[in-house]
Amino acid sequence: QVQLVESGGGSVQAGGSLRLSCAASGRMSEIYTAGWFRQASGKERECVARINWNGGNTYYERPAKGRFTISRDNDKNTVYLQMNSLKLEDTAVYYCAVIESGVWRYWGQGTQVLVSS
């Protein structure tokens, strides 16, 4: 079992920045990939970025490229999502998740990000 707790969401004006954190606990040896997802109202959940837990390789989906940075601190068992130049369309609930046995098995409870004009 892995437990994930997100924090750092909130309200920000367009063009601003937020940093989300995801603290992981439990069977950390099973974590190979962590990722950030988001779900806007009325839309499907989408992945925005993921990171290899050991090597640190990263991958970004199109909405995140050039504006978001995913990182992890292995000592703190924490994954971060630095979001810059936020847009109205970035408004969503953001979730972190980790892969186990090839599927996104463990999820956090989500943190709300609201971008206003």
C-alpha atoms as a PDB file:
ATOM      1  CA  GLN A   1       0.000   0.000   0.000  1.00  0.00           C
ATOM      2  CA  VAL A   2       1.080   3.536  -0.755  1.00  0.00           C
ATOM      3  CA  GLN A   3      -0.585   6.616   0.663  1.00  0.00           C
ATOM      4  CA  LEU A   4      -0.465   9.945  -1.145  1.00  0.00           C
ATOM      5  CA  VAL A   5      -1.385  13.353   0.221  1.00  0.00           C
ATOM      6  CA  GLU A   6      -1.433  16.419  -2.016  1.00  0.00           C
ATOM      7  CA  SER A   7      -1.130  20.002  -0.888  1.00  0.00           C
ATOM      8  CA  GLY A   8      -0.395  23.421  -2.313  1.00  0.00           C
ATOM      9  CA  GLY A   9      -3.515  24.102  -4.310  1.00  0.00           C
ATOM     10  CA  GLY A  10      -5.382  27.372  -4.078  1.00  0.00           C
ATOM     11  CA  SER A  11      -6.508  30.419  -5.977  1.00  0.00           C
ATOM     12  CA  VAL A  12      -4.195  32.405  -8.200  1.00  0.00           C
ATOM     13  CA  GLN A  13      -4.538  34.978 -10.917  1.00  0.00           C
ATOM     14  CA  ALA A  14      -3.750  34.121 -14.494  1.00  0.00           C
ATOM     15  CA  GLY A  15      -0.028  34.364 -15.092  1.00  0.00           C
ATOM     16  CA  GLY A  16       0.779  33.393 -11.533  1.00  0.00           C
ATOM     17  CA  SER A  17       2.459  30.324 -10.090  1.00  0.00           C
ATOM     18  CA  LEU A  18       1.705  27.527  -7.678  1.00  0.00           C
ATOM     19  CA  ARG A  19       3.698  24.575  -6.425  1.00  0.00           C
ATOM     20  CA  LEU A  20       1.876  21.401  -5.617  1.00  0.00           C
ATOM     21  CA  SER A  21       3.331  18.779  -3.316  1.00  0.00           C
ATOM     22  CA  CYS A  22       2.535  15.098  -2.989  1.00  0.00           C
ATOM     23  CA  ALA A  23       3.843  13.332   0.091  1.00  0.00           C
ATOM     24  CA  ALA A  24       4.095   9.562  -0.252  1.00  0.00           C
ATOM     25  CA  SER A  25       4.262   6.973   2.479  1.00  0.00           C
ATOM     26  CA  GLY A  26       3.960   3.229   2.797  1.00  0.00           C
ATOM     27  CA  ARG A  27       5.660   0.679   0.581  1.00  0.00           C
ATOM     28  CA  MET A  28       7.945   3.107  -1.196  1.00  0.00           C
ATOM     29  CA  SER A  29       9.970   0.299  -2.764  1.00  0.00           C
ATOM     30  CA  GLU A  30       7.021  -0.320  -5.082  1.00  0.00           C
ATOM     31  CA  ILE A  31       7.064   3.159  -6.561  1.00  0.00           C
ATOM     32  CA  TYR A  32       8.664   3.409  -9.979  1.00  0.00           C
ATOM     33  CA  THR A  33       6.722   6.199 -11.596  1.00  0.00           C
ATOM     34  CA  ALA A  34       4.772   9.063 -10.105  1.00  0.00           C
ATOM     35  CA  GLY A  35       2.561  11.451 -11.967  1.00  0.00           C
ATOM     36  CA  TRP A  36       0.296  14.448 -11.729  1.00  0.00           C
ATOM     37  CA  PHE A  37      -3.171  14.381 -13.221  1.00  0.00           C
ATOM     38  CA  ARG A  38      -5.928  16.918 -13.348  1.00  0.00           C
ATOM     39  CA  GLN A  39      -9.651  16.888 -13.831  1.00  0.00           C
ATOM     40  CA  ALA A  40     -11.587  19.978 -14.772  1.00  0.00           C
ATOM     41  CA  SER A  41     -15.310  20.213 -14.195  1.00  0.00           C
ATOM     42  CA  GLY A  42     -17.172  18.187 -16.801  1.00  0.00           C
ATOM     43  CA  LYS A  43     -14.005  16.787 -18.328  1.00  0.00           C
ATOM     44  CA  GLU A  44     -12.097  13.551 -18.098  1.00  0.00           C
ATOM     45  CA  ARG A  45      -9.065  13.195 -15.917  1.00  0.00           C
ATOM     46  CA  GLU A  46      -5.828  13.768 -17.827  1.00  0.00           C
ATOM     47  CA  CYS A  47      -2.185  13.237 -17.064  1.00  0.00           C
ATOM     48  CA  VAL A  48      -0.051  16.371 -17.168  1.00  0.00           C
ATOM     49  CA  ALA A  49       3.361  15.067 -16.161  1.00  0.00           C
ATOM     50  CA  ARG A  50       5.122  12.009 -14.811  1.00  0.00           C
ATOM     51  CA  ILE A  51       8.532  11.213 -13.388  1.00  0.00           C
ATOM     52  CA  ASN A  52      10.597   8.109 -12.904  1.00  0.00           C
ATOM     53  CA  TRP A  53      11.108   7.774  -9.162  1.00  0.00           C
ATOM     54  CA  ASN A  54      14.681   6.539  -9.274  1.00  0.00           C
ATOM     55  CA  GLY A  55      16.223   8.035 -12.384  1.00  0.00           C
ATOM     56  CA  GLY A  56      14.255  11.243 -12.441  1.00  0.00           C
ATOM     57  CA  ASN A  57      13.327  11.045 -16.109  1.00  0.00           C
ATOM     58  CA  THR A  58      10.357  13.250 -16.831  1.00  0.00           C
ATOM     59  CA  TYR A  59       7.608  13.404 -19.399  1.00  0.00           C
ATOM     60  CA  TYR A  60       5.102  16.181 -20.014  1.00  0.00           C
ATOM     61  CA  GLU A  61       1.830  16.258 -21.834  1.00  0.00           C
ATOM     62  CA  ARG A  62       1.172  19.157 -24.162  1.00  0.00           C
ATOM     63  CA  PRO A  63      -0.696  21.435 -21.705  1.00  0.00           C
ATOM     64  CA  ALA A  64       2.233  21.295 -19.301  1.00  0.00           C
ATOM     65  CA  LYS A  65       5.176  21.662 -21.639  1.00  0.00           C
ATOM     66  CA  GLY A  66       7.203  24.790 -21.044  1.00  0.00           C
ATOM     67  CA  ARG A  67       5.149  25.868 -18.033  1.00  0.00           C
ATOM     68  CA  PHE A  68       5.101  23.010 -15.523  1.00  0.00           C
ATOM     69  CA  THR A  69       8.001  21.190 -13.924  1.00  0.00           C
ATOM     70  CA  ILE A  70       7.694  17.879 -12.131  1.00  0.00           C
ATOM     71  CA  SER A  71      10.368  16.887  -9.649  1.00  0.00           C
ATOM     72  CA  ARG A  72      10.861  14.591  -6.697  1.00  0.00           C
ATOM     73  CA  ASP A  73      12.782  14.557  -3.472  1.00  0.00           C
ATOM     74  CA  ASN A  74      13.559  10.959  -2.623  1.00  0.00           C
ATOM     75  CA  ASP A  75      14.713  11.831   0.887  1.00  0.00           C
ATOM     76  CA  LYS A  76      11.341  13.392   1.623  1.00  0.00           C
ATOM     77  CA  ASN A  77       9.342  10.918  -0.482  1.00  0.00           C
ATOM     78  CA  THR A  78       7.674  13.887  -2.108  1.00  0.00           C
ATOM     79  CA  VAL A  79       6.786  14.738  -5.685  1.00  0.00           C
ATOM     80  CA  TYR A  80       6.297  18.341  -6.739  1.00  0.00           C
ATOM     81  CA  LEU A  81       4.591  20.104  -9.597  1.00  0.00           C
ATOM     82  CA  GLN A  82       5.765  23.654 -10.152  1.00  0.00           C
ATOM     83  CA  MET A  83       3.212  25.451 -12.287  1.00  0.00           C
ATOM     84  CA  ASN A  84       4.097  28.785 -13.874  1.00  0.00           C
ATOM     85  CA  SER A  85       2.262  31.099 -16.249  1.00  0.00           C
ATOM     86  CA  LEU A  86      -1.027  29.633 -15.142  1.00  0.00           C
ATOM     87  CA  LYS A  87      -3.998  29.990 -17.454  1.00  0.00           C
ATOM     88  CA  LEU A  88      -7.723  29.944 -16.833  1.00  0.00           C
ATOM     89  CA  GLU A  89      -7.878  26.508 -18.431  1.00  0.00           C
ATOM     90  CA  ASP A  90      -5.514  25.127 -15.799  1.00  0.00           C
ATOM     91  CA  THR A  91      -8.351  25.316 -13.302  1.00  0.00           C
ATOM     92  CA  ALA A  92      -8.976  21.766 -12.092  1.00  0.00           C
ATOM     93  CA  VAL A  93      -8.564  19.346  -9.251  1.00  0.00           C
ATOM     94  CA  TYR A  94      -5.017  18.053  -9.364  1.00  0.00           C
ATOM     95  CA  TYR A  95      -4.162  14.539  -8.269  1.00  0.00           C
ATOM     96  CA  CYS A  96      -0.923  12.706  -7.820  1.00  0.00           C
ATOM     97  CA  ALA A  97      -0.704   9.012  -8.476  1.00  0.00           C
ATOM     98  CA  VAL A  98       1.862   6.233  -8.626  1.00  0.00           C
ATOM     99  CA  ILE A  99       2.168   3.174 -10.773  1.00  0.00           C
ATOM    100  CA  GLU A 100       2.223  -0.321  -9.371  1.00  0.00           C
ATOM    101  CA  SER A 101       2.347  -3.377 -11.600  1.00  0.00           C
ATOM    102  CA  GLY A 102       1.898  -1.242 -14.666  1.00  0.00           C
ATOM    103  CA  VAL A 103      -1.253   0.597 -13.614  1.00  0.00           C
ATOM    104  CA  TRP A 104      -1.921   3.892 -11.863  1.00  0.00           C
ATOM    105  CA  ARG A 105      -2.962   2.148  -8.684  1.00  0.00           C
ATOM    106  CA  TYR A 106      -2.634   4.648  -5.857  1.00  0.00           C
ATOM    107  CA  TRP A 107      -4.150   8.111  -5.872  1.00  0.00           C
ATOM    108  CA  GLY A 108      -4.208  11.100  -3.589  1.00  0.00           C
ATOM    109  CA  GLN A 109      -7.382  12.889  -2.590  1.00  0.00           C
ATOM    110  CA  GLY A 110      -6.766  15.828  -4.908  1.00  0.00           C
ATOM    111  CA  THR A 111      -6.108  19.519  -4.435  1.00  0.00           C
ATOM    112  CA  GLN A 112      -8.098  22.298  -6.099  1.00  0.00           C
ATOM    113  CA  VAL A 113      -6.401  24.854  -8.321  1.00  0.00           C
ATOM    114  CA  LEU A 114      -8.477  27.863  -9.338  1.00  0.00           C
ATOM    115  CA  VAL A 115      -7.056  30.326 -11.838  1.00  0.00           C
ATOM    116  CA  SER A 116      -8.935  33.592 -12.220  1.00  0.00           C
ATOM    117  CA  SER A 117      -8.604  36.550 -14.550  1.00  0.00           C
END
